[in-house]
Protein backbone atom coordinates (compact mmCIF):
# COMPACT_ATOMS: atom_id res chain seq x y z
CA MET A 1 13.62 -104.36 -130.42
CA THR A 2 13.11 -101.82 -133.20
CA PRO A 3 14.64 -101.17 -136.62
CA SER A 4 16.45 -98.04 -137.73
CA THR A 5 14.56 -95.31 -139.59
CA GLY A 6 17.28 -92.68 -139.48
CA LEU A 7 19.77 -91.02 -137.17
CA VAL A 8 18.33 -89.20 -134.16
CA HIS A 9 19.73 -87.13 -131.33
CA GLY A 10 20.70 -89.41 -128.47
CA ARG A 11 22.85 -89.92 -125.41
CA ARG A 12 25.86 -92.20 -125.59
CA SER A 13 26.95 -94.70 -122.95
CA SER A 14 29.71 -92.35 -121.83
CA SER A 15 28.51 -89.14 -120.20
CA SER A 16 31.18 -87.19 -122.05
CA ALA A 17 30.50 -88.73 -125.48
CA ARG A 18 28.94 -86.42 -128.00
CA CYS A 19 25.92 -86.99 -130.19
CA GLY A 20 26.16 -87.03 -133.97
CA CYS A 21 25.21 -83.36 -133.90
CA GLY A 22 28.43 -82.59 -132.04
CA ARG A 23 26.78 -81.80 -128.69
CA THR A 24 26.40 -83.70 -125.42
CA HIS A 25 22.71 -83.95 -124.52
CA THR A 26 21.30 -83.94 -121.02
CA LYS A 27 18.70 -86.53 -120.14
CA ASP A 28 15.87 -83.97 -120.27
CA ASP A 29 16.96 -82.34 -123.54
CA PRO A 30 13.85 -81.99 -125.76
CA ALA A 31 16.02 -82.68 -128.81
CA LEU A 32 16.51 -86.32 -127.75
CA GLY A 33 14.80 -88.70 -130.14
CA THR A 34 14.33 -86.13 -132.90
CA PRO A 35 15.99 -86.66 -136.31
CA LEU A 36 19.40 -85.20 -137.06
CA ASP A 37 18.08 -84.47 -140.55
CA PRO A 38 14.25 -84.34 -140.66
CA ASN A 39 14.27 -84.13 -144.45
CA ARG A 40 15.97 -87.53 -144.73
CA TYR A 41 14.24 -89.25 -141.85
CA ASP A 42 12.02 -92.19 -142.87
CA TYR A 43 8.73 -90.99 -141.38
CA ARG A 44 6.66 -93.38 -143.46
CA GLY A 45 8.78 -96.32 -142.39
CA ALA A 46 8.45 -95.27 -138.75
CA VAL A 47 4.65 -95.01 -138.90
CA LEU A 48 4.29 -98.28 -140.81
CA TRP A 49 6.61 -100.01 -138.34
CA ASN A 50 4.29 -99.00 -135.49
CA ALA A 51 1.27 -100.16 -137.47
CA HIS A 52 2.80 -103.59 -138.15
CA ALA A 53 4.39 -104.09 -134.71
CA PRO A 54 1.45 -106.15 -133.30
CA ALA A 55 1.53 -108.48 -136.31
CA LEU A 56 5.28 -108.83 -135.99
CA TRP A 57 4.94 -109.85 -132.35
CA ALA A 58 2.39 -112.49 -133.33
CA ARG A 59 4.78 -113.78 -135.99
CA PHE A 60 7.59 -113.83 -133.43
CA MET A 61 5.54 -116.00 -131.07
CA LEU A 62 4.73 -118.39 -133.92
CA ARG A 63 8.43 -118.64 -134.75
CA LEU A 64 9.28 -119.14 -131.08
CA ARG A 65 6.97 -122.15 -130.73
CA ARG A 66 8.31 -123.62 -133.96
CA THR A 67 11.89 -123.17 -132.79
CA ILE A 68 11.24 -124.78 -129.39
CA ALA A 69 9.51 -127.73 -131.02
CA ALA A 70 12.37 -128.20 -133.51
CA VAL A 71 15.03 -128.14 -130.78
CA ALA A 72 13.04 -130.58 -128.66
CA GLY A 73 12.51 -132.89 -131.65
CA ILE A 74 8.71 -132.61 -131.38
CA PRO A 75 6.29 -131.84 -134.23
CA GLN A 76 4.88 -128.37 -133.67
CA ARG A 77 1.29 -129.65 -133.60
CA LEU A 78 2.22 -131.88 -130.65
CA LEU A 79 4.15 -129.27 -128.63
CA LEU A 80 1.18 -128.52 -126.34
CA ARG A 81 1.22 -132.12 -125.14
CA TYR A 82 4.62 -131.52 -123.55
CA ALA A 83 5.09 -127.78 -122.95
CA ARG A 84 3.31 -124.46 -123.22
CA VAL A 85 4.80 -121.04 -124.03
CA SER A 86 3.19 -118.06 -122.31
CA TYR A 87 4.13 -114.43 -121.87
CA ALA A 88 3.30 -111.02 -120.44
CA LYS A 89 4.47 -108.01 -122.42
CA VAL A 90 4.21 -104.24 -122.60
CA ALA A 91 4.72 -101.95 -125.59
CA GLU A 92 6.80 -98.85 -124.97
CA TYR A 93 7.28 -95.73 -127.09
CA GLN A 94 10.86 -94.67 -127.44
CA ARG A 95 11.68 -90.97 -127.59
CA ARG A 96 11.84 -91.20 -131.37
CA GLY A 97 8.26 -92.45 -131.41
CA LEU A 98 8.87 -96.08 -132.36
CA ILE A 99 7.35 -98.98 -130.48
CA HIS A 100 9.47 -101.64 -128.85
CA PHE A 101 8.48 -104.51 -126.58
CA HIS A 102 9.41 -105.66 -123.10
CA ALA A 103 8.29 -109.19 -122.35
CA VAL A 104 8.58 -111.93 -119.76
CA ILE A 105 8.29 -115.33 -121.44
CA ARG A 106 7.67 -118.64 -119.66
CA LEU A 107 8.09 -122.24 -120.75
CA ASP A 108 5.97 -124.51 -118.56
CA GLY A 109 4.30 -127.90 -118.68
CA PRO A 110 1.22 -128.60 -120.81
CA ALA A 111 -1.14 -126.97 -118.27
CA GLY A 112 0.86 -123.76 -118.11
CA SER A 113 2.16 -122.38 -114.83
CA TYR A 114 0.29 -125.12 -112.91
CA THR A 115 2.65 -127.88 -114.14
CA PRO A 116 6.45 -128.08 -114.19
CA PRO A 117 8.19 -128.03 -117.57
CA PRO A 118 9.75 -131.18 -119.03
CA ALA A 119 13.42 -131.83 -118.34
CA TRP A 120 14.54 -130.60 -121.76
CA ALA A 121 12.77 -127.21 -121.34
CA THR A 122 15.67 -125.36 -119.73
CA PRO A 123 15.98 -121.58 -119.34
CA GLU A 124 18.98 -121.63 -121.67
CA LEU A 125 16.96 -123.38 -124.38
CA LEU A 126 14.22 -120.77 -124.08
CA ALA A 127 16.67 -117.86 -124.20
CA ASP A 128 18.36 -119.24 -127.33
CA ALA A 129 14.97 -119.87 -128.97
CA VAL A 130 13.90 -116.28 -128.26
CA ARG A 131 16.98 -114.90 -129.99
CA VAL A 132 16.52 -117.18 -133.00
CA ALA A 133 12.80 -116.41 -133.34
CA ALA A 134 13.38 -112.65 -133.04
CA ALA A 135 15.97 -112.79 -135.82
CA ARG A 136 13.70 -114.78 -138.15
CA ALA A 137 10.35 -113.07 -137.54
CA ARG A 138 9.23 -111.01 -140.54
CA VAL A 139 6.02 -109.35 -141.71
CA VAL A 140 5.50 -108.34 -145.34
CA GLY A 141 4.42 -104.72 -145.68
CA PRO A 142 2.97 -102.59 -148.48
CA ASP A 143 4.66 -101.26 -151.61
CA ILE A 144 5.62 -97.61 -151.18
CA ASP A 145 7.05 -95.71 -154.16
CA ARG A 146 7.81 -98.97 -155.99
CA ARG A 147 9.65 -100.25 -152.95
CA SER A 148 8.40 -103.41 -151.22
CA LEU A 149 8.57 -103.05 -147.46
CA SER A 150 8.98 -105.77 -144.87
CA PHE A 151 9.34 -105.42 -141.12
CA THR A 152 11.70 -107.21 -138.77
CA PHE A 153 13.04 -106.61 -135.29
CA GLY A 154 16.24 -104.64 -134.88
CA SER A 155 19.56 -106.19 -133.97
CA GLU A 156 19.45 -105.06 -130.34
CA ILE A 157 17.81 -107.65 -128.11
CA ASP A 158 18.47 -108.04 -124.41
CA THR A 159 17.63 -111.56 -123.19
CA ARG A 160 18.04 -112.37 -119.51
CA ILE A 161 17.15 -115.49 -117.58
CA ILE A 162 14.90 -114.77 -114.59
CA LYS A 163 15.42 -117.01 -111.59
CA SER A 164 12.94 -117.21 -108.74
CA SER A 165 14.12 -115.61 -105.51
CA ALA A 166 12.63 -118.59 -103.67
CA PHE A 167 15.36 -120.82 -105.13
CA GLN A 168 18.13 -118.32 -105.83
CA ALA A 169 18.44 -116.11 -102.75
CA GLY A 170 20.38 -112.93 -103.35
CA THR A 171 20.12 -112.94 -107.15
CA THR A 172 20.11 -109.62 -108.95
CA ILE A 173 16.88 -110.47 -110.80
CA THR A 174 13.92 -111.46 -108.64
CA GLU A 175 10.19 -111.89 -109.21
CA GLY A 176 9.53 -108.59 -107.44
CA LYS A 177 11.98 -106.76 -109.66
CA VAL A 178 10.39 -108.31 -112.75
CA ALA A 179 6.95 -107.11 -111.67
CA GLY A 180 8.29 -103.62 -111.00
CA TYR A 181 10.14 -103.57 -114.31
CA VAL A 182 7.04 -104.48 -116.30
CA ALA A 183 4.88 -102.07 -114.29
CA LYS A 184 7.30 -99.24 -115.04
CA TYR A 185 6.70 -99.54 -118.76
CA ALA A 186 3.02 -100.37 -118.40
CA THR A 187 2.41 -96.97 -116.81
CA LYS A 188 4.23 -94.99 -119.48
CA ARG A 189 2.16 -93.04 -121.98
CA THR A 190 2.81 -91.88 -125.53
CA GLU A 191 2.61 -88.30 -124.34
CA GLY A 192 5.47 -88.79 -121.92
CA ALA A 193 7.73 -90.42 -124.49
CA THR A 194 7.16 -88.30 -127.58
CA GLY A 195 5.06 -85.31 -126.56
CA THR A 196 2.24 -86.33 -128.87
CA LEU A 197 -1.54 -86.44 -128.37
CA ASP A 198 -3.71 -88.44 -126.00
CA HIS A 199 -6.89 -88.12 -128.08
CA ARG A 200 -7.99 -88.82 -131.63
CA LEU A 201 -8.16 -86.27 -134.41
CA LYS A 202 -11.28 -85.75 -136.49
CA LEU A 203 -9.51 -83.44 -138.95
CA ILE A 204 -5.81 -83.03 -139.58
CA ALA A 205 -6.35 -79.27 -139.36
CA GLU A 206 -6.85 -79.73 -135.61
CA LEU A 207 -3.16 -80.56 -135.32
CA GLY A 208 -2.26 -76.90 -135.77
CA GLN A 209 -4.04 -76.10 -132.50
CA GLU A 210 -1.98 -78.59 -130.50
CA ASP A 211 1.27 -77.78 -128.73
CA ILE A 212 3.42 -80.77 -129.66
CA PRO A 213 7.01 -81.17 -130.94
CA ASP A 214 7.69 -81.03 -134.66
CA HIS A 215 8.85 -84.65 -134.74
CA ALA A 216 5.60 -85.97 -133.25
CA ALA A 217 3.58 -83.70 -135.56
CA GLY A 218 5.53 -85.06 -138.53
CA MET A 219 4.65 -88.65 -137.62
CA ILE A 220 0.99 -87.76 -137.12
CA ARG A 221 0.79 -85.99 -140.48
CA THR A 222 2.52 -88.95 -142.14
CA ALA A 223 0.03 -91.38 -140.59
CA TRP A 224 -2.86 -89.19 -141.75
CA THR A 225 -1.50 -89.03 -145.31
CA LEU A 226 -0.88 -92.77 -145.49
CA GLY A 227 -4.36 -93.36 -144.11
CA ALA A 228 -5.86 -92.05 -147.36
CA ARG A 229 -4.34 -94.94 -149.35
CA ARG A 230 -6.77 -97.72 -150.23
CA ASP A 231 -4.13 -100.42 -149.88
CA LEU A 232 -3.57 -99.35 -146.26
CA THR A 233 -7.23 -99.12 -145.19
CA HIS A 234 -6.89 -102.19 -142.97
CA LEU A 235 -4.30 -100.38 -140.83
CA ARG A 236 -6.77 -97.58 -139.91
CA LEU A 237 -3.93 -95.08 -139.81
CA ARG A 238 -6.15 -92.01 -139.53
CA THR A 239 -7.98 -93.47 -136.56
CA TRP A 240 -4.66 -94.17 -134.85
CA ALA A 241 -2.69 -91.18 -136.13
CA HIS A 242 -2.55 -89.70 -132.62
CA MET A 243 -0.81 -92.95 -131.52
CA LEU A 244 1.72 -92.59 -134.35
CA GLY A 245 0.14 -95.49 -136.20
CA PHE A 246 0.28 -98.03 -133.35
CA ARG A 247 -3.11 -99.72 -132.81
CA GLY A 248 -2.22 -102.51 -130.42
CA HIS A 249 -2.71 -102.86 -126.67
CA PHE A 250 -0.04 -101.42 -124.43
CA SER A 251 -0.17 -104.54 -122.22
CA THR A 252 -1.12 -108.12 -123.10
CA LYS A 253 -0.64 -111.57 -121.61
CA THR A 254 -1.58 -115.12 -122.40
CA ARG A 255 -4.20 -116.72 -120.18
CA THR A 256 -1.81 -119.38 -118.89
CA TYR A 257 1.00 -116.97 -117.93
CA SER A 258 -0.52 -116.29 -114.52
CA THR A 259 -3.90 -115.38 -113.08
CA THR A 260 -6.49 -113.66 -115.28
CA LEU A 261 -7.72 -110.09 -115.00
CA SER A 262 -11.22 -111.43 -114.31
CA ALA A 263 -9.93 -113.40 -111.34
CA LEU A 264 -8.17 -110.31 -110.03
CA ARG A 265 -11.38 -108.26 -110.27
CA HIS A 266 -13.29 -110.92 -108.33
CA ALA A 267 -10.54 -111.03 -105.71
CA ARG A 268 -10.63 -107.25 -105.27
CA ALA A 269 -14.42 -107.27 -104.98
CA ALA A 270 -14.28 -110.04 -102.37
CA TRP A 271 -11.62 -108.16 -100.38
CA HIS A 272 -13.69 -104.97 -100.35
CA HIS A 273 -16.76 -106.95 -99.32
CA ARG A 274 -14.89 -108.44 -96.35
CA HIS A 275 -13.26 -105.20 -95.21
CA THR A 276 -16.04 -102.68 -95.85
CA PRO A 277 -18.48 -102.19 -92.91
CA ALA A 278 -22.05 -103.19 -93.67
CA PRO A 279 -24.27 -100.15 -94.28
CA ARG A 280 -26.88 -99.33 -91.64
CA LEU A 281 -30.45 -100.03 -92.70
CA SER A 282 -32.83 -97.07 -92.67
CA THR A 283 -36.41 -96.39 -93.76
CA LEU A 284 -37.18 -93.57 -96.16
CA VAL A 285 -40.77 -92.28 -95.83
CA LEU A 286 -42.13 -91.06 -99.16
CA ALA A 287 -45.83 -90.45 -98.11
CA ARG A 288 -48.30 -91.01 -95.28
CA TRP A 289 -51.72 -92.54 -95.91
CA ALA A 290 -54.79 -92.35 -93.65
CA PHE A 291 -58.28 -93.91 -93.80
CA ASP A 292 -60.91 -91.35 -94.91
CA GLY A 293 -64.19 -93.25 -95.10
CA ILE A 294 -66.48 -95.68 -97.00
CA GLY A 295 -68.92 -94.74 -99.74
CA LEU A 296 -69.35 -91.93 -102.23
CA THR A 297 -68.64 -88.33 -101.50
CA PRO A 298 -71.68 -85.99 -101.61
CA ASP A 299 -70.72 -84.71 -105.04
CA LEU A 300 -70.40 -88.24 -106.43
CA GLU A 301 -73.81 -89.19 -104.92
CA ARG A 302 -75.51 -86.30 -106.70
CA LEU A 303 -73.73 -87.23 -109.96
CA ALA A 304 -74.91 -90.85 -109.62
CA ALA A 305 -78.52 -89.73 -109.05
CA LEU A 306 -78.43 -87.51 -112.16
CA VAL A 307 -77.23 -90.30 -114.43
CA GLY A 308 -79.66 -92.76 -112.90
CA GLY A 309 -77.07 -95.38 -112.15
CA PRO A 310 -76.99 -97.59 -109.06
CA VAL A 311 -75.01 -96.37 -106.11
CA ARG A 312 -72.01 -98.69 -105.49
CA GLN A 313 -70.04 -98.67 -102.28
CA VAL A 314 -66.36 -98.09 -102.85
CA GLY A 315 -63.43 -97.46 -100.55
CA VAL A 316 -61.81 -94.03 -100.75
CA THR A 317 -58.52 -93.05 -99.21
CA ALA A 318 -56.62 -89.82 -99.21
CA GLY A 319 -52.91 -89.41 -99.25
CA ALA A 320 -50.56 -86.61 -98.36
């Protein structure tokens, strides 16, 4: 779900359909995702969209809970007594460099995935609430050139109900396919989508030494320029210029969606402990010590006689 910042080269649904430039692009054409007219493309809007995308997702989730509570006839502050909304999502870069989200959203009982949802919490209700919340979510942005900006999701939203393969044998959407679908986008990188950088810039002059497409370079330069504005300091655009302004996590989940990452780490450690052979114990000799004698050496006896002190018996050992 992303807004429009200008026309870009793209592939149409029909293999024979032409792009706005008059050509038919192949799937590996480097022109895909680049503006038809770079001089009219809204680079600042694109960078600021990426920067505000995490806040917009948070606003969407707030709207979603409000919508579910309103449909169920429950005050929002009491929703957690009856149902809990949880999700797992990934953020993907499109070829044009804009972030959009893929998410799996659950509606369970008050204890999350450990309790069944109430009777009114149907998949259809959740799907309708997602569409309504996505349409109403909005984040107020900065004023650029006397123009007040605000950010919303685009009109394209694909909502599908996921049914467990344990209850719906032979369905086209299964739990395994959902996991693979999310993993596909979780393993994508910015570099693969836009050809941009995988490291931060200390100076914008360093950009001239990088081999990246003009479109990605244009977004990075725009982020760097906007980062000098005092009213945008909180967005840290220069720090995240190499990410085209996006400063969120590529993958996030609520604690109640499923197991936690900490639990997975403990499970992996326990598995390795059970399946890894115990190491053989060995002794490492660092030095050998042997008894040398009791008393002072001849030199120390003469030194003691010269100073007039009493002769004390001490134990002396020598090591090698």
